[in-house]
Amino acid sequence: MNINIYTKNISLDEPLKIFIEDKIGSLSKFIKGDAVSANVEIGKPSKHHRSGMIFRAEVNLKIGGQILRAESTDLDLRVAITEVKNELQRQIKKFKEKYADLSRKTKK
C-alpha cells in the first residue's frame, strides 16, 4: 500500500509519521492487490481556531477504480486518525460484501 501524507498548519514529526503508517497500513490486511494508495491529510482547520486545538484527519483510499473516503475531527490528532482508520475499515468490509454479492448474482 502506498501512503502519501500531507499536512496543513502543523509539522510532521517522525513519531507521528510512524503512527499514521502503522494505523493506515494496517488496512492492507483487508485489501488484496497492489493497486491501493492512501492519501492522508492531517492538520488544524485554521491557525486561529477559537474552540482550542482541534485537529482534522482525512483519508482518501483508492482501491482500483473505487475511492473510499473518511474524515474526522477531534481534540487529539491520534484519536482522529484512529477514528478515520475504523471508519475506513467498516467501509472496506461493506465494499467487499457488496462486491461478493454482485459476483454471486452473476453466477446463475
N, C-alpha and C. Protein backbone atom coordinates (compact mmCIF):
# COMPACT_ATOMS: atom_id res chain seq x y z
N MET A 1 0.84 -1.17 0.00
CA MET A 1 0.00 0.00 0.00
C MET A 1 0.89 1.23 0.00
N ASN A 2 0.57 2.16 -0.88
CA ASN A 2 1.30 3.42 -0.99
C ASN A 2 0.58 4.47 -0.14
N ILE A 3 1.29 5.07 0.83
CA ILE A 3 0.68 6.06 1.72
C ILE A 3 1.37 7.40 1.51
N ASN A 4 0.59 8.40 1.12
CA ASN A 4 1.07 9.77 0.96
C ASN A 4 0.49 10.61 2.08
N ILE A 5 1.35 11.32 2.81
CA ILE A 5 0.91 12.11 3.96
C ILE A 5 1.08 13.59 3.65
N TYR A 6 0.00 14.35 3.85
CA TYR A 6 0.01 15.79 3.65
C TYR A 6 -0.38 16.46 4.97
N THR A 7 0.22 17.61 5.26
CA THR A 7 -0.09 18.32 6.49
C THR A 7 -0.61 19.72 6.18
N LYS A 8 -1.39 20.25 7.11
CA LYS A 8 -1.92 21.60 6.98
C LYS A 8 -1.83 22.27 8.34
N ASN A 9 -1.08 23.34 8.42
CA ASN A 9 -0.90 24.16 9.63
C ASN A 9 -0.24 23.42 10.79
N ILE A 10 0.41 22.28 10.55
CA ILE A 10 1.21 21.58 11.56
C ILE A 10 2.45 21.02 10.88
N SER A 11 3.40 20.60 11.69
CA SER A 11 4.59 19.97 11.13
C SER A 11 4.52 18.46 11.41
N LEU A 12 5.06 17.69 10.51
CA LEU A 12 5.03 16.23 10.62
C LEU A 12 6.35 15.77 11.22
N ASP A 13 6.29 15.20 12.42
CA ASP A 13 7.50 14.66 13.03
C ASP A 13 7.53 13.14 12.80
N GLU A 14 8.65 12.53 13.09
CA GLU A 14 8.85 11.12 12.79
C GLU A 14 7.91 10.19 13.58
N PRO A 15 7.68 10.40 14.89
CA PRO A 15 6.74 9.51 15.60
C PRO A 15 5.32 9.58 15.04
N LEU A 16 4.88 10.76 14.64
CA LEU A 16 3.54 10.90 14.06
C LEU A 16 3.47 10.20 12.71
N LYS A 17 4.52 10.31 11.92
CA LYS A 17 4.57 9.64 10.62
C LYS A 17 4.50 8.12 10.79
N ILE A 18 5.24 7.60 11.76
CA ILE A 18 5.21 6.15 12.02
C ILE A 18 3.83 5.72 12.50
N PHE A 19 3.19 6.52 13.35
CA PHE A 19 1.85 6.21 13.85
C PHE A 19 0.85 6.13 12.69
N ILE A 20 0.91 7.10 11.78
CA ILE A 20 0.00 7.12 10.63
C ILE A 20 0.25 5.92 9.74
N GLU A 21 1.51 5.62 9.46
CA GLU A 21 1.83 4.48 8.60
C GLU A 21 1.38 3.17 9.23
N ASP A 22 1.48 3.04 10.56
CA ASP A 22 1.02 1.83 11.23
C ASP A 22 -0.50 1.70 11.17
N LYS A 23 -1.21 2.78 11.50
CA LYS A 23 -2.67 2.72 11.52
C LYS A 23 -3.26 2.52 10.13
N ILE A 24 -2.86 3.35 9.18
CA ILE A 24 -3.42 3.25 7.83
C ILE A 24 -2.87 2.03 7.11
N GLY A 25 -1.62 1.69 7.36
CA GLY A 25 -1.02 0.50 6.76
C GLY A 25 -1.67 -0.79 7.22
N SER A 26 -2.26 -0.77 8.42
CA SER A 26 -2.92 -1.98 8.91
C SER A 26 -4.17 -2.31 8.11
N LEU A 27 -4.68 -1.37 7.34
CA LEU A 27 -5.85 -1.63 6.49
C LEU A 27 -5.50 -2.55 5.31
N SER A 28 -4.21 -2.69 5.01
CA SER A 28 -3.82 -3.50 3.86
C SER A 28 -4.14 -4.98 4.06
N LYS A 29 -4.32 -5.42 5.31
CA LYS A 29 -4.67 -6.82 5.53
C LYS A 29 -6.11 -7.12 5.09
N PHE A 30 -6.93 -6.09 4.94
CA PHE A 30 -8.30 -6.27 4.46
C PHE A 30 -8.41 -6.17 2.95
N ILE A 31 -7.35 -5.68 2.29
CA ILE A 31 -7.38 -5.42 0.86
C ILE A 31 -6.31 -6.26 0.19
N LYS A 32 -6.70 -6.98 -0.84
CA LYS A 32 -5.73 -7.74 -1.62
C LYS A 32 -5.42 -6.98 -2.90
N GLY A 33 -4.17 -6.99 -3.29
CA GLY A 33 -3.77 -6.32 -4.52
C GLY A 33 -2.77 -5.22 -4.26
N ASP A 34 -2.08 -4.83 -5.33
CA ASP A 34 -1.04 -3.81 -5.21
C ASP A 34 -1.52 -2.44 -5.64
N ALA A 35 -2.67 -2.35 -6.27
CA ALA A 35 -3.17 -1.07 -6.79
C ALA A 35 -3.95 -0.31 -5.72
N VAL A 36 -3.35 -0.17 -4.54
CA VAL A 36 -4.01 0.51 -3.44
C VAL A 36 -3.13 1.68 -3.00
N SER A 37 -3.74 2.86 -2.91
CA SER A 37 -2.99 4.01 -2.42
C SER A 37 -3.87 4.79 -1.45
N ALA A 38 -3.23 5.41 -0.48
CA ALA A 38 -3.94 6.19 0.52
C ALA A 38 -3.34 7.59 0.59
N ASN A 39 -4.19 8.59 0.45
CA ASN A 39 -3.78 9.98 0.63
C ASN A 39 -4.31 10.43 1.98
N VAL A 40 -3.38 10.72 2.90
CA VAL A 40 -3.73 11.10 4.27
C VAL A 40 -3.44 12.58 4.43
N GLU A 41 -4.45 13.33 4.87
CA GLU A 41 -4.26 14.76 5.16
C GLU A 41 -4.59 15.00 6.62
N ILE A 42 -3.63 15.56 7.34
CA ILE A 42 -3.83 15.85 8.75
C ILE A 42 -3.52 17.33 8.99
N GLY A 43 -4.09 17.88 10.03
CA GLY A 43 -3.77 19.26 10.35
C GLY A 43 -4.83 19.92 11.19
N LYS A 44 -4.67 21.23 11.31
CA LYS A 44 -5.65 22.06 12.01
C LYS A 44 -6.46 22.80 10.96
N PRO A 45 -7.77 22.96 11.19
CA PRO A 45 -8.58 23.67 10.21
C PRO A 45 -8.11 25.11 9.97
N SER A 46 -7.63 25.78 11.03
CA SER A 46 -7.11 27.13 10.89
C SER A 46 -6.10 27.38 11.99
N LYS A 47 -5.31 28.41 11.82
CA LYS A 47 -4.29 28.72 12.82
C LYS A 47 -4.86 29.45 14.02
N HIS A 48 -6.05 30.00 13.92
CA HIS A 48 -6.62 30.80 14.99
C HIS A 48 -8.02 30.31 15.38
N HIS A 49 -8.13 29.02 15.62
CA HIS A 49 -9.42 28.43 15.96
C HIS A 49 -9.80 28.84 17.38
N ARG A 50 -10.99 29.31 17.59
CA ARG A 50 -11.41 29.83 18.90
C ARG A 50 -11.79 28.74 19.88
N SER A 51 -12.07 27.56 19.42
CA SER A 51 -12.51 26.48 20.30
C SER A 51 -11.34 25.69 20.87
N GLY A 52 -10.14 26.13 20.67
CA GLY A 52 -8.97 25.40 21.16
C GLY A 52 -8.31 24.63 20.03
N MET A 53 -7.46 23.72 20.42
CA MET A 53 -6.72 22.92 19.44
C MET A 53 -7.62 21.82 18.90
N ILE A 54 -8.13 22.01 17.72
CA ILE A 54 -8.95 20.99 17.07
C ILE A 54 -8.17 20.48 15.87
N PHE A 55 -8.05 19.17 15.77
CA PHE A 55 -7.30 18.55 14.69
C PHE A 55 -8.24 17.83 13.75
N ARG A 56 -7.81 17.70 12.52
CA ARG A 56 -8.60 17.08 11.46
C ARG A 56 -7.76 16.03 10.77
N ALA A 57 -8.37 14.89 10.48
CA ALA A 57 -7.72 13.83 9.72
C ALA A 57 -8.66 13.39 8.61
N GLU A 58 -8.13 13.26 7.41
CA GLU A 58 -8.92 12.83 6.25
C GLU A 58 -8.09 11.84 5.45
N VAL A 59 -8.72 10.76 5.01
CA VAL A 59 -8.04 9.75 4.21
C VAL A 59 -8.89 9.43 3.00
N ASN A 60 -8.26 9.47 1.84
CA ASN A 60 -8.87 9.01 0.59
C ASN A 60 -8.14 7.74 0.19
N LEU A 61 -8.85 6.63 0.22
CA LEU A 61 -8.26 5.33 -0.07
C LEU A 61 -8.73 4.89 -1.45
N LYS A 62 -7.78 4.73 -2.36
CA LYS A 62 -8.10 4.34 -3.73
C LYS A 62 -7.81 2.86 -3.90
N ILE A 63 -8.88 2.11 -4.20
CA ILE A 63 -8.77 0.67 -4.42
C ILE A 63 -9.18 0.42 -5.86
N GLY A 64 -8.20 0.21 -6.72
CA GLY A 64 -8.51 0.05 -8.14
C GLY A 64 -9.14 1.31 -8.68
N GLY A 65 -10.40 1.24 -9.09
CA GLY A 65 -11.12 2.40 -9.59
C GLY A 65 -12.04 3.03 -8.57
N GLN A 66 -12.16 2.44 -7.38
CA GLN A 66 -13.04 2.94 -6.34
C GLN A 66 -12.28 3.82 -5.36
N ILE A 67 -12.96 4.80 -4.80
CA ILE A 67 -12.38 5.66 -3.78
C ILE A 67 -13.24 5.59 -2.52
N LEU A 68 -12.61 5.27 -1.40
CA LEU A 68 -13.27 5.28 -0.10
C LEU A 68 -12.71 6.46 0.67
N ARG A 69 -13.58 7.21 1.34
CA ARG A 69 -13.17 8.44 2.00
C ARG A 69 -13.70 8.48 3.42
N ALA A 70 -12.85 8.93 4.35
CA ALA A 70 -13.27 9.10 5.74
C ALA A 70 -12.62 10.37 6.29
N GLU A 71 -13.34 11.03 7.18
CA GLU A 71 -12.86 12.28 7.77
C GLU A 71 -13.29 12.34 9.23
N SER A 72 -12.43 12.92 10.08
CA SER A 72 -12.73 13.02 11.49
C SER A 72 -12.05 14.25 12.07
N THR A 73 -12.69 14.86 13.06
CA THR A 73 -12.08 15.95 13.82
C THR A 73 -12.14 15.60 15.30
N ASP A 74 -11.10 16.00 16.03
CA ASP A 74 -11.05 15.70 17.45
C ASP A 74 -10.05 16.64 18.12
N LEU A 75 -10.07 16.66 19.43
CA LEU A 75 -9.11 17.46 20.19
C LEU A 75 -7.73 16.84 20.18
N ASP A 76 -7.65 15.53 19.93
CA ASP A 76 -6.38 14.81 19.86
C ASP A 76 -6.20 14.28 18.45
N LEU A 77 -5.06 14.56 17.84
CA LEU A 77 -4.82 14.15 16.45
C LEU A 77 -4.78 12.63 16.31
N ARG A 78 -4.20 11.95 17.28
CA ARG A 78 -4.09 10.49 17.19
C ARG A 78 -5.47 9.82 17.29
N VAL A 79 -6.36 10.40 18.08
CA VAL A 79 -7.73 9.88 18.17
C VAL A 79 -8.45 10.07 16.84
N ALA A 80 -8.25 11.23 16.21
CA ALA A 80 -8.88 11.49 14.91
C ALA A 80 -8.39 10.50 13.86
N ILE A 81 -7.08 10.19 13.88
CA ILE A 81 -6.52 9.23 12.92
C ILE A 81 -7.09 7.84 13.17
N THR A 82 -7.23 7.45 14.42
CA THR A 82 -7.79 6.14 14.76
C THR A 82 -9.25 6.04 14.33
N GLU A 83 -10.02 7.12 14.52
CA GLU A 83 -11.43 7.12 14.09
C GLU A 83 -11.52 6.98 12.57
N VAL A 84 -10.64 7.64 11.84
CA VAL A 84 -10.64 7.53 10.38
C VAL A 84 -10.32 6.10 9.96
N LYS A 85 -9.35 5.49 10.63
CA LYS A 85 -8.99 4.10 10.30
C LYS A 85 -10.17 3.16 10.55
N ASN A 86 -10.87 3.35 11.67
CA ASN A 86 -12.02 2.49 11.97
C ASN A 86 -13.14 2.68 10.95
N GLU A 87 -13.38 3.91 10.53
CA GLU A 87 -14.41 4.18 9.53
C GLU A 87 -14.04 3.55 8.19
N LEU A 88 -12.78 3.66 7.79
CA LEU A 88 -12.35 3.04 6.53
C LEU A 88 -12.43 1.51 6.61
N GLN A 89 -12.11 0.96 7.76
CA GLN A 89 -12.21 -0.49 7.92
C GLN A 89 -13.65 -0.95 7.73
N ARG A 90 -14.60 -0.19 8.29
CA ARG A 90 -16.02 -0.51 8.12
C ARG A 90 -16.42 -0.40 6.66
N GLN A 91 -15.95 0.65 5.98
CA GLN A 91 -16.29 0.84 4.57
C GLN A 91 -15.70 -0.25 3.69
N ILE A 92 -14.48 -0.70 4.00
CA ILE A 92 -13.85 -1.77 3.23
C ILE A 92 -14.64 -3.05 3.36
N LYS A 93 -15.07 -3.39 4.58
CA LYS A 93 -15.86 -4.60 4.79
C LYS A 93 -17.18 -4.53 4.02
N LYS A 94 -17.83 -3.37 4.05
CA LYS A 94 -19.08 -3.18 3.32
C LYS A 94 -18.86 -3.30 1.82
N PHE A 95 -17.76 -2.72 1.32
CA PHE A 95 -17.42 -2.78 -0.09
C PHE A 95 -17.16 -4.22 -0.53
N LYS A 96 -16.44 -4.98 0.29
CA LYS A 96 -16.14 -6.37 -0.05
C LYS A 96 -17.41 -7.22 -0.06
N GLU A 97 -18.32 -6.98 0.90
CA GLU A 97 -19.57 -7.73 0.92
C GLU A 97 -20.42 -7.41 -0.30
N LYS A 98 -20.46 -6.17 -0.68
CA LYS A 98 -21.23 -5.76 -1.85
C LYS A 98 -20.65 -6.39 -3.11
N TYR A 99 -19.34 -6.39 -3.22
CA TYR A 99 -18.68 -6.97 -4.37
C TYR A 99 -18.91 -8.48 -4.43
N ALA A 100 -18.87 -9.14 -3.28
CA ALA A 100 -19.11 -10.59 -3.23
C ALA A 100 -20.55 -10.90 -3.61
N ASP A 101 -21.50 -10.09 -3.16
CA ASP A 101 -22.91 -10.30 -3.50
C ASP A 101 -23.14 -10.14 -5.00
N LEU A 102 -22.47 -9.17 -5.61
CA LEU A 102 -22.62 -8.97 -7.04
C LEU A 102 -22.05 -10.14 -7.83
N SER A 103 -20.94 -10.70 -7.37
CA SER A 103 -20.34 -11.82 -8.09
C SER A 103 -21.20 -13.08 -7.93
N ARG A 104 -21.90 -13.23 -6.81
CA ARG A 104 -22.78 -14.39 -6.62
C ARG A 104 -24.00 -14.31 -7.51
N LYS A 105 -24.51 -13.10 -7.72
CA LYS A 105 -25.70 -12.93 -8.54
C LYS A 105 -25.44 -13.25 -10.01
N THR A 106 -24.25 -12.99 -10.48
CA THR A 106 -23.97 -13.23 -11.90
C THR A 106 -23.68 -14.69 -12.21
N LYS A 107 -23.44 -15.53 -11.20
CA LYS A 107 -23.15 -16.94 -11.42
C LYS A 107 -24.42 -17.77 -11.38
N LYS A 108 -25.27 -17.67 -12.37
CA LYS A 108 -26.50 -18.46 -12.40
C LYS A 108 -26.40 -19.63 -13.30
